[in-house]
């Protein structure tokens, strides 16, 4: 049950990164984390007592937050555009 296939990753990197192989840009990583966060959130709605997944989700949200903070300090316009595209609350 792999929710994140190689094709899905390439699609995310293609849409938010500079190319399908652009795995390093903050935008691409933030988009990937957002996809993983939404799937883990759905999993936790069904399995409320899965605490290891809950911890992983909290850690992922923290990672995404740090990347967003980094992007905000480097280039506020790129930060605003990725927030708007992904619909992330500030």
N, C-alpha and C. Protein backbone atom coordinates (compact mmCIF):
# COMPACT_ATOMS: atom_id res chain seq x y z
N UNK A 1 0.83 -1.19 0.00
CA UNK A 1 0.00 0.00 0.00
C UNK A 1 0.87 1.25 0.00
N UNK A 2 1.53 1.49 -1.10
CA UNK A 2 2.38 2.67 -1.20
C UNK A 2 1.57 3.84 -1.77
N UNK A 3 1.32 4.81 -0.95
CA UNK A 3 0.52 5.96 -1.39
C UNK A 3 1.35 6.92 -2.21
N UNK A 4 2.67 6.82 -2.10
CA UNK A 4 3.56 7.76 -2.78
C UNK A 4 4.43 6.99 -3.78
N UNK A 5 3.98 6.93 -5.01
CA UNK A 5 4.74 6.22 -6.05
C UNK A 5 5.78 7.16 -6.66
N UNK A 6 6.70 6.58 -7.40
CA UNK A 6 7.73 7.37 -8.06
C UNK A 6 7.10 8.35 -9.05
N UNK A 7 6.02 7.90 -9.71
CA UNK A 7 5.35 8.78 -10.67
C UNK A 7 4.73 9.99 -9.97
N UNK A 8 4.12 9.73 -8.81
CA UNK A 8 3.49 10.81 -8.04
C UNK A 8 4.55 11.82 -7.59
N UNK A 9 5.71 11.32 -7.15
CA UNK A 9 6.80 12.20 -6.74
C UNK A 9 7.24 13.07 -7.91
N UNK A 10 7.43 12.45 -9.08
CA UNK A 10 7.86 13.20 -10.25
C UNK A 10 6.84 14.26 -10.63
N UNK A 11 5.56 13.90 -10.50
CA UNK A 11 4.49 14.84 -10.80
C UNK A 11 4.56 16.05 -9.87
N UNK A 12 4.78 15.80 -8.58
CA UNK A 12 4.88 16.88 -7.59
C UNK A 12 6.09 17.75 -7.89
N UNK A 13 7.26 17.11 -8.16
CA UNK A 13 8.47 17.87 -8.44
C UNK A 13 8.34 18.66 -9.74
N UNK A 14 7.65 18.07 -10.72
CA UNK A 14 7.44 18.76 -11.99
C UNK A 14 6.57 19.98 -11.84
N UNK A 15 5.55 19.86 -10.98
CA UNK A 15 4.60 20.96 -10.81
C UNK A 15 5.18 22.10 -9.96
N UNK A 16 5.86 21.75 -8.86
CA UNK A 16 6.32 22.78 -7.93
C UNK A 16 7.81 23.08 -8.02
N UNK A 17 8.60 22.12 -8.54
CA UNK A 17 10.03 22.35 -8.69
C UNK A 17 10.32 22.97 -10.04
N UNK A 18 11.60 23.00 -10.39
CA UNK A 18 11.98 23.55 -11.69
C UNK A 18 11.86 22.50 -12.78
N UNK A 19 11.99 21.22 -12.39
CA UNK A 19 11.85 20.12 -13.35
C UNK A 19 11.41 18.86 -12.61
N UNK A 20 11.19 17.76 -13.33
CA UNK A 20 10.77 16.51 -12.69
C UNK A 20 11.84 15.94 -11.76
N UNK A 21 13.10 16.33 -12.00
CA UNK A 21 14.18 15.79 -11.17
C UNK A 21 14.66 16.78 -10.12
N UNK A 22 14.00 17.92 -10.03
CA UNK A 22 14.38 18.96 -9.06
C UNK A 22 13.85 18.58 -7.68
N UNK A 23 14.65 17.79 -6.95
CA UNK A 23 14.18 17.31 -5.64
C UNK A 23 14.68 18.20 -4.51
N UNK A 24 15.56 19.14 -4.81
CA UNK A 24 16.19 19.91 -3.75
C UNK A 24 15.58 21.26 -3.44
N UNK A 25 14.83 21.83 -4.37
CA UNK A 25 14.32 23.18 -4.14
C UNK A 25 13.31 23.16 -2.99
N UNK A 26 13.30 24.23 -2.19
CA UNK A 26 12.38 24.28 -1.05
C UNK A 26 10.92 24.08 -1.46
N UNK A 27 10.53 24.68 -2.61
CA UNK A 27 9.14 24.55 -3.06
C UNK A 27 8.76 23.10 -3.30
N UNK A 28 9.65 22.36 -3.97
CA UNK A 28 9.38 20.96 -4.28
C UNK A 28 9.27 20.13 -2.99
N UNK A 29 10.18 20.39 -2.04
CA UNK A 29 10.15 19.65 -0.79
C UNK A 29 8.91 19.98 0.02
N UNK A 30 8.54 21.25 0.07
CA UNK A 30 7.34 21.67 0.80
C UNK A 30 6.11 21.01 0.21
N UNK A 31 6.04 20.96 -1.13
CA UNK A 31 4.90 20.33 -1.79
C UNK A 31 4.83 18.84 -1.48
N UNK A 32 5.99 18.18 -1.49
CA UNK A 32 6.04 16.75 -1.17
C UNK A 32 5.60 16.51 0.28
N UNK A 33 6.12 17.32 1.20
CA UNK A 33 5.73 17.19 2.61
C UNK A 33 4.23 17.41 2.77
N UNK A 34 3.69 18.38 2.05
CA UNK A 34 2.26 18.67 2.15
C UNK A 34 1.42 17.48 1.69
N UNK A 35 1.87 16.83 0.62
CA UNK A 35 1.17 15.64 0.13
C UNK A 35 1.21 14.53 1.17
N UNK A 36 2.39 14.32 1.76
CA UNK A 36 2.54 13.27 2.79
C UNK A 36 1.71 13.61 4.03
N UNK A 37 1.69 14.88 4.41
CA UNK A 37 0.92 15.31 5.58
C UNK A 37 -0.56 15.03 5.37
N UNK A 38 -1.07 15.34 4.18
CA UNK A 38 -2.50 15.12 3.93
C UNK A 38 -2.84 13.63 3.95
N UNK A 39 -1.95 12.79 3.44
CA UNK A 39 -2.26 11.35 3.45
C UNK A 39 -2.17 10.78 4.87
N UNK A 40 -1.21 11.26 5.67
CA UNK A 40 -1.12 10.80 7.06
C UNK A 40 -2.32 11.28 7.88
N UNK A 41 -2.80 12.47 7.58
CA UNK A 41 -3.97 13.00 8.27
C UNK A 41 -5.19 12.12 8.00
N UNK A 42 -5.35 11.71 6.73
CA UNK A 42 -6.46 10.81 6.38
C UNK A 42 -6.33 9.49 7.11
N UNK A 43 -5.10 8.96 7.19
CA UNK A 43 -4.85 7.69 7.87
C UNK A 43 -5.24 7.80 9.35
N UNK A 44 -4.90 8.94 9.96
CA UNK A 44 -5.17 9.11 11.40
C UNK A 44 -6.66 9.32 11.69
N UNK A 45 -7.43 9.78 10.69
CA UNK A 45 -8.88 9.90 10.89
C UNK A 45 -9.50 8.52 11.08
N UNK A 46 -8.93 7.53 10.39
CA UNK A 46 -9.44 6.16 10.48
C UNK A 46 -8.84 5.43 11.69
N UNK A 47 -7.52 5.63 11.90
CA UNK A 47 -6.78 4.93 12.96
C UNK A 47 -6.35 5.93 14.03
N UNK A 48 -7.28 6.30 14.88
CA UNK A 48 -7.03 7.39 15.84
C UNK A 48 -5.95 7.05 16.87
N UNK A 49 -5.73 5.77 17.17
CA UNK A 49 -4.77 5.41 18.21
C UNK A 49 -3.40 5.04 17.68
N UNK A 50 -3.15 5.33 16.41
CA UNK A 50 -1.85 5.03 15.80
C UNK A 50 -0.88 6.16 16.17
N UNK A 51 -0.25 6.01 17.34
CA UNK A 51 0.54 7.11 17.88
C UNK A 51 1.88 7.29 17.17
N UNK A 52 2.44 6.23 16.62
CA UNK A 52 3.72 6.39 15.90
C UNK A 52 3.51 7.19 14.62
N UNK A 53 2.38 6.98 13.96
CA UNK A 53 2.07 7.77 12.77
C UNK A 53 1.78 9.22 13.17
N UNK A 54 1.14 9.39 14.32
CA UNK A 54 0.85 10.74 14.80
C UNK A 54 2.15 11.51 15.05
N UNK A 55 3.12 10.82 15.63
CA UNK A 55 4.42 11.45 15.88
C UNK A 55 5.11 11.80 14.57
N UNK A 56 5.05 10.88 13.61
CA UNK A 56 5.66 11.14 12.30
C UNK A 56 5.02 12.35 11.64
N UNK A 57 3.70 12.47 11.78
CA UNK A 57 2.97 13.61 11.22
C UNK A 57 3.43 14.92 11.85
N UNK A 58 3.55 14.93 13.16
CA UNK A 58 3.99 16.14 13.87
C UNK A 58 5.40 16.54 13.43
N UNK A 59 6.27 15.53 13.26
CA UNK A 59 7.64 15.81 12.82
C UNK A 59 7.66 16.35 11.39
N UNK A 60 6.81 15.81 10.53
CA UNK A 60 6.72 16.28 9.15
C UNK A 60 6.24 17.73 9.08
N UNK A 61 5.24 18.04 9.90
CA UNK A 61 4.71 19.40 9.94
C UNK A 61 5.82 20.36 10.39
N UNK A 62 6.62 19.93 11.36
CA UNK A 62 7.74 20.75 11.83
C UNK A 62 8.78 20.97 10.75
N UNK A 63 9.09 19.91 10.01
CA UNK A 63 10.05 20.01 8.91
C UNK A 63 9.56 21.00 7.86
N UNK A 64 8.27 20.88 7.52
CA UNK A 64 7.69 21.78 6.52
C UNK A 64 7.73 23.22 7.02
N UNK A 65 7.41 23.40 8.30
CA UNK A 65 7.44 24.74 8.90
C UNK A 65 8.83 25.36 8.80
N UNK A 66 9.86 24.55 9.11
CA UNK A 66 11.24 25.06 9.05
C UNK A 66 11.62 25.44 7.61
N UNK A 67 11.21 24.61 6.65
CA UNK A 67 11.50 24.93 5.25
C UNK A 67 10.78 26.21 4.83
N UNK A 68 9.52 26.36 5.28
CA UNK A 68 8.77 27.58 4.95
C UNK A 68 9.44 28.81 5.57
N UNK A 69 9.91 28.68 6.81
CA UNK A 69 10.60 29.79 7.47
C UNK A 69 11.87 30.16 6.72
N UNK A 70 12.60 29.14 6.26
CA UNK A 70 13.83 29.36 5.48
C UNK A 70 13.49 30.13 4.20
N UNK A 71 12.47 29.65 3.50
CA UNK A 71 12.08 30.28 2.24
C UNK A 71 11.62 31.72 2.47
N UNK A 72 10.91 31.94 3.58
CA UNK A 72 10.44 33.28 3.92
C UNK A 72 11.61 34.24 4.13
N UNK A 73 12.66 33.75 4.78
CA UNK A 73 13.82 34.62 5.03
C UNK A 73 14.63 34.87 3.77
N UNK A 74 14.63 33.91 2.83
CA UNK A 74 15.43 34.05 1.61
C UNK A 74 14.70 34.82 0.52
N UNK A 75 13.42 34.48 0.29
CA UNK A 75 12.68 35.07 -0.83
C UNK A 75 11.19 35.09 -0.50
N UNK A 76 10.72 36.23 0.00
CA UNK A 76 9.34 36.36 0.48
C UNK A 76 8.32 36.10 -0.62
N UNK A 77 8.64 36.44 -1.87
CA UNK A 77 7.68 36.24 -2.97
C UNK A 77 7.47 34.76 -3.27
N UNK A 78 8.56 33.98 -3.28
CA UNK A 78 8.44 32.53 -3.49
C UNK A 78 7.66 31.89 -2.34
N UNK A 79 7.89 32.40 -1.13
CA UNK A 79 7.16 31.91 0.05
C UNK A 79 5.66 32.15 -0.11
N UNK A 80 5.31 33.38 -0.50
CA UNK A 80 3.89 33.72 -0.65
C UNK A 80 3.23 32.88 -1.74
N UNK A 81 3.95 32.64 -2.84
CA UNK A 81 3.35 31.89 -3.95
C UNK A 81 3.13 30.43 -3.57
N UNK A 82 4.07 29.80 -2.85
CA UNK A 82 3.90 28.38 -2.48
C UNK A 82 2.80 28.24 -1.43
N UNK A 83 2.71 29.19 -0.50
CA UNK A 83 1.63 29.18 0.51
C UNK A 83 0.27 29.23 -0.19
N UNK A 84 0.17 30.12 -1.17
CA UNK A 84 -1.10 30.31 -1.90
C UNK A 84 -1.44 29.08 -2.72
N UNK A 85 -0.44 28.52 -3.43
CA UNK A 85 -0.66 27.36 -4.29
C UNK A 85 -1.14 26.14 -3.49
N UNK A 86 -0.50 25.91 -2.34
CA UNK A 86 -0.80 24.72 -1.55
C UNK A 86 -1.92 24.94 -0.55
N UNK A 87 -2.30 26.20 -0.36
CA UNK A 87 -3.38 26.49 0.59
C UNK A 87 -2.99 26.22 2.03
N UNK A 88 -1.76 26.57 2.37
CA UNK A 88 -1.25 26.36 3.74
C UNK A 88 -1.55 27.61 4.55
N UNK A 89 -2.00 27.40 5.79
CA UNK A 89 -2.20 28.55 6.68
C UNK A 89 -0.84 29.04 7.15
N UNK A 90 -0.73 30.34 7.36
CA UNK A 90 0.56 30.91 7.79
C UNK A 90 0.87 30.53 9.22
